[in-house]
Protein backbone atom coordinates (compact mmCIF):
# COMPACT_ATOMS: atom_id res chain seq x y z
CA MET A 1 -102.39 24.08 -158.37
CA LEU A 2 -100.38 27.06 -157.16
CA MET A 3 -101.70 29.33 -154.45
CA GLU A 4 -103.57 32.10 -156.24
CA SER A 5 -106.30 34.66 -155.85
CA VAL A 6 -108.61 35.81 -158.64
CA TYR A 7 -110.15 39.25 -159.16
CA ARG A 8 -113.03 39.66 -161.60
CA SER A 9 -114.52 43.09 -162.03
CA GLU A 10 -117.92 41.55 -162.76
CA ASP A 11 -118.02 40.33 -159.16
CA VAL A 12 -117.86 43.93 -157.87
CA PRO A 13 -120.65 46.52 -158.01
CA ILE A 14 -120.22 48.75 -161.07
CA GLU A 15 -119.62 51.93 -159.07
CA GLU A 16 -116.81 50.25 -157.08
CA ARG A 17 -114.97 48.40 -159.84
CA PHE A 18 -112.43 51.02 -160.84
CA ASP A 19 -111.39 51.90 -157.31
CA SER A 20 -111.28 48.26 -156.24
CA TRP A 21 -108.92 47.37 -159.10
CA ARG A 22 -106.72 50.38 -158.35
CA THR A 23 -106.49 49.23 -154.73
CA LEU A 24 -105.59 45.71 -155.87
CA LEU A 25 -102.80 47.06 -158.10
CA GLY A 26 -101.47 49.01 -155.12
CA ARG A 27 -101.13 45.76 -153.19
CA THR A 28 -99.88 43.69 -156.12
CA HIS A 29 -97.30 46.14 -157.46
CA ALA A 30 -97.24 49.62 -155.91
CA PRO A 31 -99.75 52.49 -155.64
CA VAL A 32 -100.55 54.01 -159.04
CA GLU A 33 -102.94 56.51 -160.54
CA LEU A 34 -105.34 55.10 -163.15
CA VAL A 35 -107.00 56.95 -166.02
CA SER A 36 -109.44 55.23 -168.36
CA GLU A 37 -112.50 55.89 -170.50
CA HIS A 38 -113.85 52.53 -169.35
CA GLN A 39 -114.59 53.22 -165.70
CA GLN A 40 -118.29 52.49 -166.23
CA ASP A 41 -117.79 49.32 -168.29
CA LEU A 42 -114.60 48.02 -166.72
CA ARG A 43 -113.72 44.45 -167.73
CA VAL A 44 -110.79 43.14 -165.71
CA VAL A 45 -109.66 39.64 -164.78
CA GLN A 46 -106.48 39.36 -162.70
CA ARG A 47 -104.99 36.21 -161.17
CA THR A 48 -102.27 36.70 -158.58
CA LEU A 49 -99.94 33.70 -158.19
CA SER A 50 -97.69 33.28 -155.16
CA LEU A 51 -94.16 32.15 -156.10
CA GLY A 52 -92.50 32.55 -152.72
CA ALA A 53 -91.08 36.07 -152.50
CA VAL A 54 -92.00 36.59 -156.15
CA SER A 55 -95.53 37.03 -157.52
CA ALA A 56 -96.92 36.75 -161.02
CA TRP A 57 -100.23 38.17 -162.16
CA PRO A 58 -101.76 37.23 -165.50
CA SER A 59 -104.42 39.80 -166.36
CA SER A 60 -106.66 41.25 -169.04
CA PHE A 61 -108.00 44.81 -168.97
CA PRO A 62 -109.25 47.62 -171.28
CA PRO A 63 -107.12 50.60 -172.38
CA VAL A 64 -105.77 52.27 -169.24
CA ILE A 65 -103.08 54.78 -168.29
CA PHE A 66 -101.02 53.75 -165.26
CA ARG A 67 -99.07 56.55 -163.58
CA ARG A 68 -96.61 56.23 -160.73
CA THR A 69 -95.88 59.79 -159.74
CA PRO A 70 -92.98 61.20 -157.68
CA ARG A 71 -95.46 61.79 -154.85
CA LEU A 72 -96.55 58.14 -154.84
CA VAL A 73 -92.90 57.02 -154.89
CA ARG A 74 -92.17 59.17 -151.83
CA GLU A 75 -95.25 57.93 -149.99
CA SER A 76 -94.77 54.20 -150.61
CA ASP A 77 -91.96 52.25 -152.21
CA PRO A 78 -91.82 48.45 -151.84
CA GLU A 79 -88.43 48.55 -153.63
CA GLY A 80 -89.45 46.09 -156.27
CA LEU A 81 -88.90 45.52 -159.94
CA HIS A 82 -91.94 45.04 -162.16
CA LEU A 83 -91.63 43.13 -165.42
CA THR A 84 -94.49 42.83 -167.92
CA LEU A 85 -94.81 40.45 -170.85
CA PRO A 86 -97.61 41.67 -173.16
CA ILE A 87 -99.42 38.77 -174.85
CA LYS A 88 -102.13 40.69 -176.71
CA GLY A 89 -102.00 44.45 -177.20
CA MET A 90 -99.07 46.79 -176.59
CA LEU A 91 -97.68 49.05 -173.88
CA HIS A 92 -96.25 52.53 -174.45
CA VAL A 93 -93.92 53.38 -171.57
CA SER A 94 -92.58 56.79 -170.56
CA ARG A 95 -89.87 57.02 -167.90
CA GLU A 96 -87.62 59.80 -166.66
CA ARG A 97 -84.97 59.18 -169.28
CA ASP A 98 -86.60 57.29 -172.15
CA GLU A 99 -89.70 56.04 -173.92
CA ALA A 100 -90.39 52.61 -175.39
CA CYS A 101 -93.17 50.54 -176.90
CA HIS A 102 -93.52 46.87 -176.01
CA GLY A 103 -95.44 44.07 -177.68
CA SER A 104 -95.21 40.31 -177.23
CA ASP A 105 -91.60 40.32 -178.47
CA SER A 106 -90.10 42.23 -175.53
CA PHE A 107 -90.38 42.79 -171.80
CA ASN A 108 -91.28 46.05 -170.11
CA VAL A 109 -89.28 46.66 -166.91
CA LEU A 110 -90.23 49.27 -164.30
CA SER A 111 -88.92 50.14 -160.86
CA SER A 112 -91.26 51.01 -158.01
CA SER A 113 -88.60 53.52 -156.95
CA ARG A 114 -88.90 55.60 -160.15
CA PRO A 115 -91.86 57.50 -161.68
CA PHE A 116 -93.35 56.17 -164.90
CA GLU A 117 -96.39 56.31 -167.15
CA VAL A 118 -97.71 53.29 -169.07
CA ARG A 119 -100.41 53.61 -171.74
CA SER A 120 -101.98 50.33 -172.77
CA ILE A 121 -102.94 49.93 -176.45
CA ALA A 122 -105.66 47.30 -176.75
CA ALA A 123 -105.77 44.32 -179.08
CA PRO A 124 -108.67 44.05 -181.60
CA ASP A 125 -110.90 42.51 -178.93
CA GLY A 126 -110.62 45.74 -176.92
CA LEU A 127 -108.44 44.26 -174.16
CA ASN A 128 -104.81 44.04 -173.16
CA THR A 129 -103.65 40.63 -172.01
CA GLY A 130 -100.32 39.91 -170.39
CA VAL A 131 -98.39 38.72 -167.36
CA GLY A 132 -96.94 41.00 -164.69
CA LEU A 133 -94.08 39.86 -162.50
CA GLU A 134 -93.06 41.41 -159.17
CA VAL A 135 -89.54 40.74 -157.88
CA PRO A 136 -88.02 42.36 -154.77
CA THR A 137 -84.94 44.25 -155.91
CA ALA A 138 -82.95 42.73 -153.04
CA LEU A 139 -83.24 39.28 -154.67
CA LEU A 140 -81.31 40.40 -157.75
CA PRO A 141 -77.52 40.07 -157.55
CA PHE A 142 -76.71 43.55 -158.87
CA PRO A 143 -75.08 46.49 -157.08
CA GLY A 144 -76.95 49.79 -156.98
CA ARG A 145 -75.07 51.36 -159.88
CA LEU A 146 -76.19 48.53 -162.17
CA ARG A 147 -79.77 48.38 -160.86
CA ASP A 148 -80.33 51.91 -162.15
CA ARG A 149 -79.67 50.65 -165.69
CA LEU A 150 -82.06 47.69 -165.62
CA THR A 151 -85.21 49.58 -166.60
CA GLY A 152 -83.59 51.00 -169.74
CA LEU A 153 -82.47 47.70 -171.22
CA HIS A 154 -83.99 46.09 -174.29
CA LEU A 155 -85.00 42.59 -173.23
CA SER A 156 -86.08 40.28 -176.02
CA ALA A 157 -88.77 37.71 -175.24
CA LYS A 158 -87.96 35.74 -178.39
CA GLU A 159 -84.43 34.48 -177.82
CA GLY A 160 -82.02 33.28 -175.17
CA PHE A 161 -82.90 33.65 -171.50
CA GLY A 162 -85.77 35.97 -172.43
CA ALA A 163 -87.46 33.23 -174.46
CA LEU A 164 -87.13 30.80 -171.55
CA LEU A 165 -88.65 33.30 -169.14
CA ALA A 166 -91.44 34.21 -171.58
CA GLN A 167 -92.28 30.53 -172.03
CA LEU A 168 -92.63 30.05 -168.28
CA LEU A 169 -94.76 33.19 -167.81
CA THR A 170 -97.00 32.29 -170.74
CA GLN A 171 -97.50 28.82 -169.29
CA LEU A 172 -98.52 30.35 -165.96
CA ALA A 173 -100.91 32.68 -167.78
CA HIS A 174 -102.65 29.68 -169.32
CA GLY A 175 -103.07 28.00 -165.93
CA SER A 176 -101.15 26.55 -163.00
CA HIS A 177 -103.01 23.24 -162.67
CA SER A 178 -99.89 21.16 -163.39
CA TYR A 179 -98.17 22.55 -160.26
CA GLN A 180 -98.59 21.91 -156.55
CA PRO A 181 -98.68 24.71 -153.93
CA ALA A 182 -95.20 23.66 -152.77
CA ASP A 183 -93.88 24.35 -156.29
CA GLY A 184 -94.46 28.11 -155.86
CA PRO A 185 -91.14 28.94 -154.12
CA ARG A 186 -89.28 26.65 -156.55
CA LEU A 187 -90.76 28.52 -159.49
CA GLY A 188 -89.85 31.79 -157.80
CA THR A 189 -86.23 30.67 -157.59
CA ILE A 190 -86.25 29.70 -161.27
CA VAL A 191 -87.77 33.08 -162.22
CA VAL A 192 -85.12 35.03 -160.28
CA ASP A 193 -82.32 32.94 -161.80
CA LEU A 194 -83.61 33.44 -165.35
CA LEU A 195 -84.23 37.13 -164.79
CA SER A 196 -80.75 37.63 -163.32
CA ALA A 197 -79.18 35.86 -166.28
CA LEU A 198 -81.30 37.88 -168.73
CA PHE A 199 -80.26 41.16 -167.12
CA ALA A 200 -76.60 40.14 -166.99
CA HIS A 201 -76.62 39.24 -170.68
CA ALA A 202 -78.35 42.51 -171.61
CA LEU A 203 -76.01 44.62 -169.48
CA ASP A 204 -73.04 43.03 -171.19
CA ALA A 205 -74.48 43.75 -174.64
CA ASP A 206 -75.81 47.22 -173.79
CA GLY A 207 -72.49 48.97 -174.11
CA PRO A 208 -68.89 49.03 -172.94
CA LEU A 209 -68.70 47.97 -169.33
CA ALA A 210 -65.90 48.64 -166.93
CA SER A 211 -63.64 45.64 -166.48
CA GLU A 212 -64.94 44.96 -162.98
CA THR A 213 -68.57 45.24 -164.11
CA HIS A 214 -67.93 42.99 -167.10
CA GLN A 215 -66.50 40.37 -164.78
CA GLN A 216 -69.51 40.64 -162.45
CA THR A 217 -71.98 40.10 -165.27
CA LEU A 218 -69.90 37.22 -166.62
CA VAL A 219 -69.98 35.54 -163.20
CA LEU A 220 -73.78 35.96 -163.14
CA ARG A 221 -74.10 34.31 -166.54
CA ILE A 222 -71.80 31.50 -165.45
CA ARG A 223 -73.88 30.89 -162.32
CA ALA A 224 -77.08 30.81 -164.37
CA PHE A 225 -75.49 28.36 -166.83
CA ILE A 226 -74.42 26.10 -163.98
CA GLN A 227 -77.88 26.14 -162.40
CA ALA A 228 -79.46 25.25 -165.74
CA ASN A 229 -77.11 22.30 -166.22
CA LEU A 230 -76.80 20.77 -162.76
CA HIS A 231 -78.49 17.61 -164.06
CA ASP A 232 -75.52 16.91 -166.36
CA PRO A 233 -72.99 14.68 -164.56
CA ALA A 234 -70.29 15.90 -166.96
CA LEU A 235 -70.65 19.49 -165.74
CA ASN A 236 -67.31 20.65 -164.34
CA PRO A 237 -65.12 23.78 -164.50
CA SER A 238 -63.66 22.81 -167.89
CA VAL A 239 -67.13 22.41 -169.42
CA VAL A 240 -68.27 25.72 -167.90
CA ALA A 241 -65.20 27.56 -169.21
CA ALA A 242 -65.60 26.11 -172.72
CA ALA A 243 -69.29 27.12 -172.83
CA HIS A 244 -68.30 30.72 -172.12
CA HIS A 245 -65.26 30.76 -174.44
CA ILE A 246 -62.77 31.41 -171.66
CA SER A 247 -59.89 29.37 -170.27
CA THR A 248 -60.29 27.27 -167.14
CA SER A 249 -57.60 29.31 -165.43
CA TYR A 250 -59.50 32.55 -166.17
CA LEU A 251 -62.68 30.95 -164.81
CA HIS A 252 -60.89 30.19 -161.55
CA ARG A 253 -59.59 33.77 -161.40
CA LEU A 254 -63.16 35.07 -161.78
CA PHE A 255 -64.16 33.11 -158.71
CA GLN A 256 -61.13 34.11 -156.61
CA HIS A 257 -63.18 36.78 -154.83
CA GLU A 258 -66.29 34.60 -154.48
CA GLU A 259 -67.02 32.59 -151.35
CA GLU A 260 -66.37 29.23 -153.06
CA THR A 261 -64.46 27.77 -155.96
CA VAL A 262 -66.39 26.88 -159.10
CA ALA A 263 -66.32 23.16 -158.32
CA ALA A 264 -67.45 23.73 -154.73
CA TRP A 265 -70.31 25.96 -155.89
CA ILE A 266 -71.48 23.34 -158.41
CA ARG A 267 -71.47 20.68 -155.72
CA ARG A 268 -73.32 22.86 -153.21
CA GLN A 269 -75.99 23.75 -155.74
CA ARG A 270 -76.49 20.08 -156.59
CA LEU A 271 -76.75 19.12 -152.93
CA GLU A 272 -79.19 21.95 -152.23
CA ARG A 273 -81.48 20.85 -155.07
CA ALA A 274 -81.30 17.26 -153.84
CA ARG A 275 -82.04 18.37 -150.28
CA ARG A 276 -85.17 20.22 -151.42
CA ASP A 277 -86.38 17.17 -153.33
CA LEU A 278 -85.81 14.87 -150.36
CA ALA A 279 -87.81 17.21 -148.12
CA ASP A 280 -90.67 17.47 -150.63
CA PRO A 281 -93.63 15.26 -149.57
CA ALA A 282 -94.74 15.04 -153.20
CA GLN A 283 -91.47 13.26 -154.06
CA HIS A 284 -91.39 10.81 -151.17
CA ALA A 285 -91.78 7.83 -153.54
CA VAL A 286 -88.82 8.86 -155.72
CA PRO A 287 -85.84 6.62 -154.86
CA ILE A 288 -82.88 8.40 -153.34
CA HIS A 289 -80.57 7.19 -156.10
CA ALA A 290 -82.95 8.75 -158.66
CA VAL A 291 -82.81 12.09 -156.82
CA ALA A 292 -79.02 11.87 -156.84
CA ALA A 293 -78.92 11.12 -160.57
CA ARG A 294 -81.36 13.96 -161.29
CA TRP A 295 -78.84 16.42 -159.92
CA GLY A 296 -75.73 15.07 -161.60
CA PHE A 297 -74.37 12.52 -159.12
CA ARG A 298 -73.21 9.43 -161.02
CA GLN A 299 -72.70 7.22 -157.98
CA ALA A 300 -75.26 6.90 -155.16
CA ALA A 301 -72.43 6.22 -152.68
CA ASP A 302 -70.66 9.45 -153.64
CA PHE A 303 -73.92 11.36 -153.23
CA SER A 304 -74.62 9.82 -149.82
CA ARG A 305 -71.14 10.67 -148.56
CA ALA A 306 -71.25 14.24 -149.88
CA PHE A 307 -74.76 14.80 -148.52
CA ARG A 308 -73.81 13.56 -145.06
CA ASN A 309 -70.73 15.75 -144.97
CA ALA A 310 -72.78 18.81 -145.97
CA VAL A 311 -75.99 18.24 -144.01
CA GLY A 312 -74.86 16.12 -141.10
CA VAL A 313 -77.10 13.09 -141.70
CA PRO A 314 -77.44 10.56 -144.55
CA PRO A 315 -80.06 11.26 -147.25
CA LYS A 316 -82.41 8.52 -145.99
CA GLU A 317 -82.35 9.91 -142.46
CA TYR A 318 -82.82 13.47 -143.69
CA ARG A 319 -85.91 12.47 -145.65
CA ARG A 320 -87.33 10.69 -142.59
CA LEU A 321 -86.70 13.70 -140.36
CA ALA A 322 -88.19 16.06 -142.94
CA ARG A 323 -91.41 14.01 -142.87
CA ASN A 324 -91.43 13.78 -139.08
CA PRO A 325 -89.65 16.86 -137.65
CA ASP A 326 -90.78 15.97 -134.11
CA MET A 327 -88.48 12.95 -134.27
CA ALA A 328 -85.38 15.14 -134.60
CA THR A 329 -83.21 15.26 -131.51
């Protein structure tokens, strides 16, 4: 089970429930003002799941107005992005430049650095149910001029990368018993990758982008595609280019200003995933050749040689040292 904490309003004295939940939201997301007709009969359940630097919080609550005012932004800004997937009920969102209504078919995206007002519209049972996601803005691979556009994008939860992300968040909302505590950071990495790909896709479709910006978003989509297909031993630059309807030569030009070539980046990502698995105590019984195959290496000997060149020790030795760090010299 993932590391999580649970807040239930019924565990708190009636007169303290509203303020205690507001304080919890300030720690989970950012300080907000709350307005509700249900202060005296507040029914809230909120689970906060630790996913490394990312956190998810499935919750249910009665109709509430959440306000993040300019004053609160000035006083405290964790510089994070908040994404909500409503499961039951709806959210009406007012921001500086736009308004939107979100149900289970789309994501609501807010920035802790910008004022907003969210009015929850309850489901027939009188509650809103959904999953909130907190992601430090610094984890997202977008320059400042693009970050300002993220909160205004329409992000579908029913298709493409949005459907994949919604499936993961819904699964977490139903329970995290199928995961181990060590899976938290791994899930956080997956969430950031999916979210980055979702934003890149939406930015590209949102309107005409400058050539440089278009190339940046295309590179983000390519990276997300590669990370989702590392298990495929046939994955190579030609396959990546064909999947994105571009030539291999244009793919290489896109990566000219990156730190590595496409092929080198694919190999490093595969080796990094394999390294994590070898260091994971829960996977100690998995044969090394199976770890190699899981991340797209056809030949165990090729994997062993590449791993040693990258890490400095063979896979078997790395696994032993990861289990017994005191034995390292």
